[in-house]
Every structure is written in C-alpha cells, then in structure tokens.
Protein backbone atom coordinates (compact mmCIF):
# COMPACT_ATOMS: atom_id res chain seq x y z
CA MET A 1 -3.93 -40.13 10.70
CA GLU A 2 -5.59 -38.77 7.65
CA SER A 3 -7.62 -35.15 6.52
CA ASP A 4 -8.79 -33.85 3.54
CA ILE A 5 -6.54 -30.74 4.64
CA VAL A 6 -3.49 -30.60 6.88
CA ILE A 7 -2.65 -26.96 7.59
CA VAL A 8 0.78 -26.32 9.43
CA GLY A 9 0.87 -23.26 11.40
CA GLY A 10 -2.10 -21.54 13.43
CA GLY A 11 -1.42 -17.85 13.05
CA PRO A 12 -4.17 -16.03 11.20
CA ALA A 13 -3.77 -17.41 7.53
CA GLY A 14 -3.60 -20.86 9.02
CA MET A 15 -6.90 -20.38 11.59
CA MET A 16 -8.89 -18.33 8.69
CA ALA A 17 -8.28 -21.47 6.07
CA GLY A 18 -8.96 -24.11 9.00
CA LEU A 19 -12.46 -22.11 9.40
CA LEU A 20 -13.32 -21.76 5.85
CA PHE A 21 -12.19 -25.60 4.75
CA ALA A 22 -14.23 -26.88 7.57
CA ARG A 23 -16.86 -24.87 7.17
CA ALA A 24 -17.06 -26.27 3.71
CA GLY A 25 -17.39 -29.31 5.06
CA LEU A 26 -13.91 -30.89 4.66
CA LYS A 27 -12.09 -32.59 7.34
CA VAL A 28 -9.28 -30.09 8.28
CA THR A 29 -6.19 -30.84 10.79
CA VAL A 30 -4.09 -27.40 11.94
CA LEU A 31 -0.82 -28.08 13.71
CA GLU A 32 0.03 -25.42 15.89
CA LYS A 33 3.82 -25.97 17.56
CA HIS A 34 3.19 -23.31 20.74
CA ALA A 35 1.09 -24.72 23.58
CA ASP A 36 -1.15 -21.33 23.05
CA PHE A 37 -1.34 -18.31 20.98
CA LEU A 38 -0.02 -16.00 23.40
CA ARG A 39 2.96 -14.60 22.09
CA ASP A 40 3.28 -10.75 22.64
CA PHE A 41 4.36 -8.27 19.97
CA ARG A 42 2.73 -9.96 17.09
CA GLY A 43 0.85 -7.91 14.29
CA ASP A 44 -2.18 -6.91 16.26
CA THR A 45 -3.94 -4.72 13.59
CA VAL A 46 -6.98 -6.23 12.22
CA HIS A 47 -7.90 -4.42 8.91
CA PRO A 48 -11.43 -3.18 7.60
CA SER A 49 -10.76 -5.67 4.77
CA THR A 50 -10.49 -8.48 7.44
CA LEU A 51 -13.44 -7.02 9.42
CA GLU A 52 -15.32 -7.17 6.42
CA LEU A 53 -15.08 -11.09 5.95
CA PHE A 54 -16.17 -11.52 9.58
CA ASN A 55 -18.93 -9.31 8.71
CA GLN A 56 -19.79 -11.84 5.79
CA LEU A 57 -19.55 -14.56 8.01
CA GLY A 58 -21.99 -13.53 10.17
CA LEU A 59 -19.45 -13.18 13.20
CA LEU A 60 -18.16 -9.16 13.15
CA ASP A 61 -20.69 -8.10 16.17
CA GLU A 62 -19.29 -10.94 17.87
CA LEU A 63 -15.66 -10.24 17.43
CA LEU A 64 -16.12 -6.87 18.33
CA GLU A 65 -17.05 -7.75 21.61
CA ILE A 66 -13.19 -8.37 22.26
CA PRO A 67 -11.72 -5.43 24.12
CA HIS A 68 -10.15 -3.50 21.28
CA SER A 69 -9.14 -0.08 20.40
CA LYS A 70 -10.41 2.00 16.90
CA LEU A 71 -7.87 3.67 14.48
CA ASP A 72 -9.69 5.31 11.72
CA ARG A 73 -7.18 8.19 11.10
CA ALA A 74 -3.37 8.55 11.52
CA ALA A 75 -0.41 11.10 11.91
CA ILE A 76 3.15 11.45 11.94
CA HIS A 77 4.67 13.92 14.51
CA ILE A 78 8.02 15.40 12.69
CA ALA A 79 9.88 19.03 13.46
CA GLY A 80 7.20 19.93 16.26
CA ARG A 81 4.13 19.18 13.58
CA GLN A 82 1.66 16.52 13.55
CA MET A 83 0.71 15.51 10.08
CA LYS A 84 -2.43 13.94 8.92
CA VAL A 85 -1.25 11.09 6.89
CA LEU A 86 -4.22 8.43 6.46
CA GLU A 87 -7.78 8.58 7.10
CA LEU A 88 -10.20 5.12 6.90
CA SER A 89 -13.72 6.49 8.28
CA HIS A 90 -14.74 7.00 4.64
CA LEU A 91 -14.66 3.20 3.56
CA PRO A 92 -17.66 1.51 2.23
CA VAL A 93 -17.50 -1.37 4.89
CA ALA A 94 -19.62 -2.24 8.06
CA ALA A 95 -16.33 -1.62 10.14
CA PRO A 96 -14.27 1.34 8.79
CA TYR A 97 -11.25 1.30 11.20
CA ILE A 98 -8.76 -0.70 12.04
CA ALA A 99 -9.32 -2.66 15.09
CA MET A 100 -6.25 -3.05 17.40
CA MET A 101 -7.05 -6.27 18.94
CA PRO A 102 -4.31 -8.48 20.40
CA GLN A 103 -3.37 -11.35 18.01
CA TRP A 104 -4.05 -14.32 20.31
CA ASP A 105 -7.68 -12.87 21.16
CA LEU A 106 -8.34 -13.13 17.46
CA LEU A 107 -6.94 -16.67 16.98
CA ASP A 108 -8.87 -17.67 20.01
CA PHE A 109 -12.09 -16.71 18.36
CA ILE A 110 -11.32 -18.01 15.17
CA ALA A 111 -10.56 -21.38 16.83
CA GLY A 112 -13.77 -21.22 18.86
CA LYS A 113 -15.95 -20.66 15.84
CA ALA A 114 -14.08 -23.19 13.54
CA LYS A 115 -14.43 -26.17 16.64
CA LYS A 116 -17.88 -25.99 16.24
CA TYR A 117 -17.45 -27.80 12.99
CA ASP A 118 -17.29 -31.87 13.22
CA GLY A 119 -14.18 -31.63 10.63
CA PHE A 120 -11.97 -29.20 12.44
CA ASP A 121 -9.21 -30.43 14.63
CA LEU A 122 -6.72 -28.27 16.07
CA LYS A 123 -3.33 -29.68 17.44
CA MET A 124 -1.09 -27.71 19.83
CA GLN A 125 2.17 -28.47 20.73
CA SER A 126 2.41 -30.47 17.38
CA GLU A 127 5.37 -28.87 15.05
CA ALA A 128 5.88 -30.12 11.45
CA VAL A 129 9.51 -30.77 10.59
CA GLY A 130 8.84 -32.32 7.26
CA LEU A 131 6.98 -34.03 4.19
CA THR A 132 5.73 -36.99 3.29
CA TYR A 133 5.61 -38.50 -0.41
CA ASP A 134 3.65 -40.92 -2.16
CA SER A 135 5.15 -43.36 -4.68
CA ALA A 136 4.49 -40.55 -7.60
CA GLY A 137 6.30 -37.64 -5.51
CA ARG A 138 3.11 -35.90 -4.52
CA VAL A 139 3.04 -34.32 -1.09
CA SER A 140 0.90 -36.37 0.62
CA GLY A 141 1.18 -35.65 4.65
CA VAL A 142 3.79 -34.02 7.27
CA THR A 143 6.00 -35.54 9.76
CA THR A 144 5.86 -33.82 12.99
CA LYS A 145 8.60 -33.67 15.79
CA SER A 146 7.08 -36.37 17.84
CA GLY A 147 7.46 -38.49 15.31
CA ASP A 148 4.02 -38.85 14.07
CA ALA A 149 3.00 -38.68 10.14
CA ILE A 150 0.01 -36.86 9.37
CA LEU A 151 -1.54 -37.72 6.11
CA GLY A 152 -3.82 -35.37 4.10
CA LYS A 153 -5.16 -34.93 0.65
CA LEU A 154 -3.78 -31.08 0.54
CA VAL A 155 -0.96 -29.73 2.85
CA ILE A 156 -1.21 -25.97 3.48
CA ALA A 157 2.08 -24.45 4.70
CA ALA A 158 1.16 -21.58 6.84
CA ASP A 159 4.05 -21.57 8.89
CA GLY A 160 5.31 -18.33 8.68
CA ARG A 161 8.14 -16.05 7.54
CA ARG A 162 10.72 -19.24 8.38
CA SER A 163 8.51 -21.75 6.89
CA VAL A 164 9.81 -25.06 7.18
CA LEU A 165 7.55 -26.56 4.73
CA ARG A 166 8.57 -24.16 2.02
CA GLY A 167 11.85 -25.17 2.39
CA ALA A 168 11.50 -28.79 2.11
CA ALA A 169 9.41 -28.42 -0.85
CA GLU A 170 12.19 -26.64 -2.52
CA LEU A 171 10.11 -23.67 -3.57
CA PRO A 172 11.80 -20.54 -5.09
CA LEU A 173 12.21 -17.77 -2.68
CA THR A 174 12.82 -14.38 -3.96
CA ASN A 175 14.75 -12.04 -1.15
CA ILE A 176 13.66 -8.16 -1.93
CA GLY A 177 15.22 -7.23 1.30
CA ALA A 178 14.44 -4.63 4.30
CA PRO A 179 16.96 -1.80 5.59
CA MET A 180 15.48 -2.19 9.27
CA ASP A 181 14.71 -4.29 12.04
CA VAL A 182 12.45 -3.28 14.81
CA PHE A 183 12.18 -3.34 18.67
CA TRP A 184 8.70 -4.02 20.11
CA PHE A 185 7.86 -2.66 23.78
CA ARG A 186 5.03 -1.52 25.61
CA VAL A 187 4.80 1.75 28.03
CA ASP A 188 1.88 2.36 30.01
CA LYS A 189 0.22 5.77 29.52
CA PRO A 190 0.22 8.41 32.09
CA ALA A 191 -2.80 9.41 33.79
CA GLY A 192 -4.69 11.98 31.75
CA TYR A 193 -2.56 11.66 28.96
CA GLY A 194 -4.49 12.22 25.90
CA GLY A 195 -4.11 11.84 22.13
CA SER A 196 -2.22 9.51 20.27
CA VAL A 197 0.59 9.71 17.79
CA PHE A 198 0.82 6.81 15.10
CA GLY A 199 4.49 7.92 14.15
CA THR A 200 7.04 10.20 15.25
CA VAL A 201 10.17 11.27 13.46
CA GLN A 202 13.49 12.99 13.80
CA ALA A 203 16.69 12.63 12.20
CA GLY A 204 18.25 9.24 12.28
CA LYS A 205 15.30 8.09 14.59
CA PHE A 206 11.71 6.64 14.28
CA MET A 207 9.34 5.12 16.36
CA VAL A 208 5.61 3.90 15.66
CA MET A 209 3.26 4.69 18.64
CA ILE A 210 0.12 2.13 18.68
CA ASP A 211 -2.47 3.68 21.34
CA ARG A 212 -3.99 0.50 22.84
CA ASN A 213 -6.16 2.30 25.36
CA ASP A 214 -4.26 2.35 28.69
CA TYR A 215 -0.74 1.59 26.95
CA TYR A 216 1.44 2.40 23.99
CA GLN A 217 2.74 -0.91 21.76
CA CYS A 218 5.85 1.09 20.32
CA ALA A 219 7.99 0.03 17.52
CA TYR A 220 11.38 1.42 17.29
CA VAL A 221 12.81 1.18 14.11
CA PHE A 222 16.54 1.33 13.51
CA ASN A 223 19.12 0.11 10.61
CA LYS A 224 19.06 -3.52 10.16
CA GLY A 225 21.86 -5.64 11.78
CA GLN A 226 22.62 -3.10 14.61
CA ALA A 227 20.36 -4.94 17.35
CA ALA A 228 23.45 -5.83 19.41
CA GLU A 229 25.19 -2.11 18.77
CA VAL A 230 21.80 -0.49 20.01
CA LYS A 231 22.07 -2.64 23.09
CA ALA A 232 25.56 -2.19 24.13
CA ARG A 233 25.09 1.33 24.38
CA GLY A 234 22.95 0.50 27.18
CA LEU A 235 19.42 1.00 28.41
CA GLU A 236 19.79 4.43 29.58
CA GLU A 237 20.92 5.90 26.18
CA PHE A 238 18.20 3.78 24.76
CA ARG A 239 15.44 5.28 27.06
CA SER A 240 17.36 9.02 26.31
CA GLY A 241 16.92 8.27 22.85
CA LEU A 242 13.12 7.31 23.31
CA ALA A 243 12.69 10.55 25.49
CA GLU A 244 14.06 12.93 22.19
CA LEU A 245 11.53 11.34 20.07
CA VAL A 246 8.48 11.85 22.95
CA PRO A 247 9.66 14.06 25.57
CA ASP A 248 6.00 14.13 27.17
CA LEU A 249 6.41 10.61 27.87
CA ALA A 250 9.92 10.72 29.20
CA GLU A 251 8.80 9.25 32.55
CA ALA A 252 6.92 6.42 30.90
CA PHE A 253 10.15 5.46 29.04
CA GLY A 254 11.47 4.43 32.55
CA GLN A 255 9.42 1.43 32.86
CA ILE A 256 11.73 -0.12 30.25
CA THR A 257 14.24 -1.50 33.26
CA ASP A 258 15.46 -4.59 31.56
CA TRP A 259 16.25 -5.66 27.57
CA ASP A 260 13.76 -8.77 28.09
CA GLN A 261 11.07 -6.02 28.05
CA VAL A 262 12.28 -5.46 24.61
CA LYS A 263 11.64 -7.95 21.90
CA MET A 264 13.15 -7.81 18.22
CA LEU A 265 11.39 -8.25 15.26
CA GLU A 266 14.00 -8.80 12.09
CA VAL A 267 12.14 -7.27 9.26
CA SER A 268 12.07 -9.40 6.15
CA LEU A 269 10.56 -8.67 2.75
CA ASP A 270 10.32 -11.71 0.50
CA ARG A 271 8.00 -14.16 -1.36
CA LEU A 272 7.98 -17.23 -3.11
CA GLU A 273 7.62 -17.33 -6.90
CA ARG A 274 5.76 -20.32 -6.62
CA TRP A 275 3.54 -21.26 -4.32
CA HIS A 276 2.44 -24.89 -4.78
CA ARG A 277 3.46 -28.11 -5.89
CA PRO A 278 1.33 -30.94 -6.18
CA GLY A 279 -0.50 -31.51 -3.03
CA LEU A 280 1.19 -28.65 -1.14
CA LEU A 281 0.11 -24.84 -1.04
CA ALA A 282 1.94 -22.04 0.74
CA ILE A 283 -0.06 -19.18 2.24
CA GLY A 284 0.45 -16.02 4.41
CA ASP A 285 4.05 -15.08 5.68
CA ALA A 286 5.09 -18.74 4.40
CA ALA A 287 4.34 -17.40 0.56
CA HIS A 288 5.37 -13.77 1.42
CA ALA A 289 6.80 -11.94 4.36
CA MET A 290 5.75 -8.50 4.56
CA SER A 291 7.16 -5.11 6.07
CA PRO A 292 5.78 -3.99 8.99
CA ILE A 293 5.00 -0.43 6.92
CA GLY A 294 1.08 -0.35 6.96
CA GLY A 295 0.61 -3.11 9.27
CA VAL A 296 -0.78 -5.17 6.35
CA GLY A 297 0.65 -8.39 7.37
CA ILE A 298 -2.49 -10.06 8.87
CA ASN A 299 -4.77 -9.15 6.16
CA MET A 300 -2.54 -10.21 3.45
CA ALA A 301 -2.58 -13.63 5.12
CA VAL A 302 -6.29 -13.94 5.72
CA GLN A 303 -6.75 -12.84 2.11
CA ASP A 304 -4.63 -15.74 0.77
CA ALA A 305 -6.56 -18.04 3.46
CA VAL A 306 -10.05 -16.78 1.80
CA THR A 307 -9.06 -17.33 -2.20
CA ALA A 308 -7.71 -20.93 -1.25
CA ALA A 309 -10.72 -21.76 0.39
CA ASN A 310 -12.88 -20.14 -2.76
CA VAL A 311 -10.56 -21.55 -5.25
CA LEU A 312 -10.38 -24.93 -3.49
CA ALA A 313 -12.92 -25.62 -1.12
CA ALA A 314 -16.34 -26.69 -3.43
CA PRO A 315 -13.90 -29.02 -5.94
CA MET A 316 -12.64 -30.64 -2.85
CA ALA A 317 -15.57 -30.98 -1.07
CA ARG A 318 -17.13 -32.86 -4.40
CA GLY A 319 -14.11 -35.17 -4.27
CA GLU A 320 -12.56 -33.99 -7.51
CA ASN A 321 -8.99 -33.61 -8.30
CA PHE A 322 -7.72 -30.16 -7.31
CA ASP A 323 -3.98 -29.92 -8.10
CA ALA A 324 -4.34 -28.04 -11.37
CA LEU A 325 -6.31 -25.61 -9.10
CA LEU A 326 -3.56 -24.77 -6.87
CA GLU A 327 -1.83 -22.34 -9.55
CA GLN A 328 -5.36 -20.52 -9.53
CA VAL A 329 -4.70 -19.43 -5.96
CA TYR A 330 -1.31 -18.31 -6.51
CA ALA A 331 -2.54 -16.35 -9.79
CA ARG A 332 -5.03 -14.51 -8.10
CA ARG A 333 -2.71 -13.38 -5.10
CA ILE A 334 0.69 -12.86 -6.71
CA LYS A 335 -0.30 -9.46 -8.19
CA PRO A 336 -1.54 -8.05 -4.65
CA VAL A 337 1.14 -9.13 -3.19
CA ARG A 338 3.91 -7.81 -5.59
CA LYS A 339 1.97 -4.73 -5.65
CA MET A 340 1.82 -4.20 -1.97
CA GLN A 341 5.52 -5.15 -1.75
CA ALA A 342 6.41 -2.65 -4.38
CA MET A 343 4.75 0.00 -2.32
CA GLN A 344 6.34 -1.28 1.06
CA LYS A 345 9.80 -1.39 -0.57
CA THR A 346 9.45 2.22 -2.15
CA ALA A 347 8.86 3.36 1.54
CA GLN A 348 11.69 1.52 2.86
CA ASP A 349 14.41 2.59 -0.19
CA ARG A 350 12.86 6.71 -0.04
CA VAL A 351 11.54 7.29 3.18
CA ILE A 352 12.52 4.87 5.84
CA ALA A 353 16.55 4.39 4.89
CA PRO A 354 17.27 7.91 4.29
CA LEU A 355 15.63 8.69 7.43
CA LEU A 356 17.76 6.63 9.67
CA SER A 357 21.00 7.62 7.99
CA ARG A 358 19.98 11.46 7.94
CA LYS A 359 22.48 13.48 10.40
CA LYS A 360 20.98 16.52 9.82
CA PRO A 361 18.05 18.09 11.90
CA ILE A 362 14.65 18.30 10.63
CA LYS A 363 13.63 21.61 10.37
CA ARG A 364 10.30 21.46 8.47
CA PRO A 365 8.19 18.52 7.72
CA PHE A 366 8.80 16.51 4.28
CA LEU A 367 7.03 17.87 0.94
CA PRO A 368 5.04 14.92 0.63
CA LEU A 369 4.03 15.00 4.24
CA ARG A 370 2.82 18.74 4.14
CA ILE A 371 0.63 17.80 0.79
CA MET A 372 -1.11 15.15 2.81
CA ASN A 373 -1.80 16.95 5.71
CA ARG A 374 -3.41 19.56 3.18
CA ALA A 375 -5.32 17.10 0.98
CA PRO A 376 -8.00 14.85 2.75
CA PHE A 377 -9.00 13.11 -0.45
CA LEU A 378 -5.40 11.89 -0.78
CA ARG A 379 -5.05 11.02 3.03
CA ARG A 380 -8.43 9.02 1.95
CA ILE A 381 -6.73 7.30 -0.98
CA ALA A 382 -3.72 6.00 1.08
CA GLY A 383 -6.57 4.87 3.80
CA GLY A 384 -8.14 2.97 1.16
CA VAL A 385 -5.03 1.17 0.08
CA VAL A 386 -3.82 0.38 3.68
CA GLY A 387 -7.38 -0.71 4.92
CA MET A 388 -8.61 -2.63 2.27
CA GLY A 389 -5.52 -3.63 0.26
CA PHE A 390 -5.60 -4.94 -3.53
CA GLY A 391 -7.56 -7.76 -5.18
CA ARG A 392 -9.92 -8.37 -2.06
CA GLU A 393 -11.92 -11.10 -2.13
CA GLY A 394 -15.21 -11.94 -0.34
CA ILE A 395 -16.46 -15.23 1.01
CA GLN A 396 -17.51 -17.42 -1.88
CA SER A 397 -16.39 -21.00 -0.20
CA PRO A 398 -19.64 -23.23 0.22
CA GLU A 399 -21.34 -23.59 4.07
CA ALA A 400 -21.79 -27.28 4.20
C-alpha cells in the first residue's frame, strides 16, 4: 500500500495532521493501534488556541455541539482561601475559554470531518512497529504488527511519548525530567454541590479537580516513583487523604472502591533535539512530551500538526521535493516548545516539588498566589500563556 503521507498515531496531532493534509488533496493513511478512541483520563482540555483553529476551518459551531463544560477562569484552594490565578474571557478569539471535552469525542469529530476527503484513510487496530527504507537510506514507510508494509512519501510519527518510531529513527532525545506522577480518577458530584475548584493544596498534597458538570475529573499529584507506596497504604488511607484535601467531598470519595478506578499517569518532560530525517517527521508527544501543568499538551500537539501542514502540504501537492522543508517545521516549533517546557520545569522545581516535600502546615497562601489574586492583569497574562501558548499559527495550508 502506498500513500503520500503515512501518519502513525490517531491522537490529536495525528488526526489533525490527517485532516489538514487530506484537505490539501493529498492521499493520507492514519494508523491507530486501538480499535477505538475510548481511553479514559486522557487530556480533555481544548484550549482557545485550538478552538480558534476549528473556527478558521468553519467547524467551531459544530464542534461545540459536543457536550462540554467551559472553563474561563481557575482558582487554587489553599489555607482555607480560594485564590484566583487564571482568566481567559478577555482573549480575542471566538471561544475565549477552555472546552472540557472528552478526547475521544474530539478525535471522533476530526475523523468524521477528515473522512469526507477521498484521500483520507483511517486504519484502526493497525500498529506500526518499525520503519522501511529505500536504497538510499531514506524512510519510505512503516511495517505493522500484522506484517504489512505501508509505504509513503512522508512518514509522520505521532505515536505518543513512548514513540516506537522516534527510537527506530534514532532521533536524539533530551530528558528534562519531572518530579511527580499523577493518579487520575473521577467522582460524581453530590446533588446541589456548586462551585468548582481548579486546584486544592495542603502541605505534601496537591490535587487538581476539573468540573465536568455532573462529576469531577481529579488528578492527585504525588512524588515520582511512589505509586506503589501510595497503593500499599491502602484505599482507606488514600480516601482519607482526599477527604482532608476537600472535606466537602469526603462522602463522594467513598465511590472509589477499587484501585482499578484509579489510573496512573507517569509524567514525562522531554523533547527531541531533531524531529526529522529524510522521509520522516515527528510531532506531538513523540517530539516533545509535556507535563500536565497547564493542560497544554493537546494544544501544543495540534499546533505541530498545523505547522507541518502549513509548511509541507502545498509543496507536496505540487509534487516538489520536500525533505529540506522538514527542518522548517522543527525551526518554527522548537522555540515555542522550549518556552512552554521551561515554564513547566520552573513550576515543577519551584512549586510542585517543594510543595510535595513540605511537612509544615500551610497557614497562609503563598505570596505569588496572593499577588495573582489581587491583580487581574496578571491573571489575564497567565490566561493568555495557557490559553494561546507561544508561536501560535493559523490555518495556511490549502484546501484542494
């Protein structure tokens, strides 16, 4: 089988790339190893920058018909006070908020739009395990677990933070490191329970709670490598610790009756120092694993896909040699990635790690939080960084 582009991975980066390249008139094959997109506790935050891309494609209104909740501000509950830290409603875009939308719904939506183009082919349960090369050593396609060879003029590795293809291509990886891991779980909201708390903090404990209308999606943060220790203490102690963090939801935490309800996210922060070799380009988590801080992973990945299409789609549609252009994709994206990862690294080292190791009770909100709470313009700056990111690009790739 042969395509113009073979995309490995049906996550946000891979699916958006598939849509944009097929829209430009190219023959695109997307390989997704699972039978569907239904994986719980994936990133569900669709930021204003990504919503604006759908607006440019004329798809925003239809996308927002999918059930979702809106987050246009965020707060942290600490030392008995709720401190405002983030505001998004001022952003100059059509949807100035974060849409809290199940990722499987987002991916199904993109797939449905991409399938309207004749050149788009989505192959589920097709797992790429290696690369093929031509006689000159240029990447020419992929091999799958079932033994098939799928050839393409360009292979896009969008197969996540444990990318098989970036390893096979021997692309250089820098591990920046992360001091924490996360347990994801959900609890139903009690009847009549109002108000959302984005983050709640105590000495040695930190949890993010995402209001999903009828339930909270919760991320309990703990020191890296201590998952087994937390589990060894038992569910009762785990629930008690959660109740200390959010006493009002103590009864709701009783819904957690089995560790199978708690999913582990091993936090990574890394990036490739080169995203390409002739015939291959890495994007999304395969090129740069982001920390969950700010929930920016989806949106960074989607921006990679947009940049790749902006740079490559038109030349490829004209049948031009494009290998030299792969460096341009990297050059346009690496600075925004480095900036965002530097901010996440700072937050990890100066906020998260000290907080998780702290023993003394927190009697007063930290000074930076008090300043943010009192200064709306600082909250708007923070909202702009989280909501729009750095180096944002609009849709420039052609529509055939």
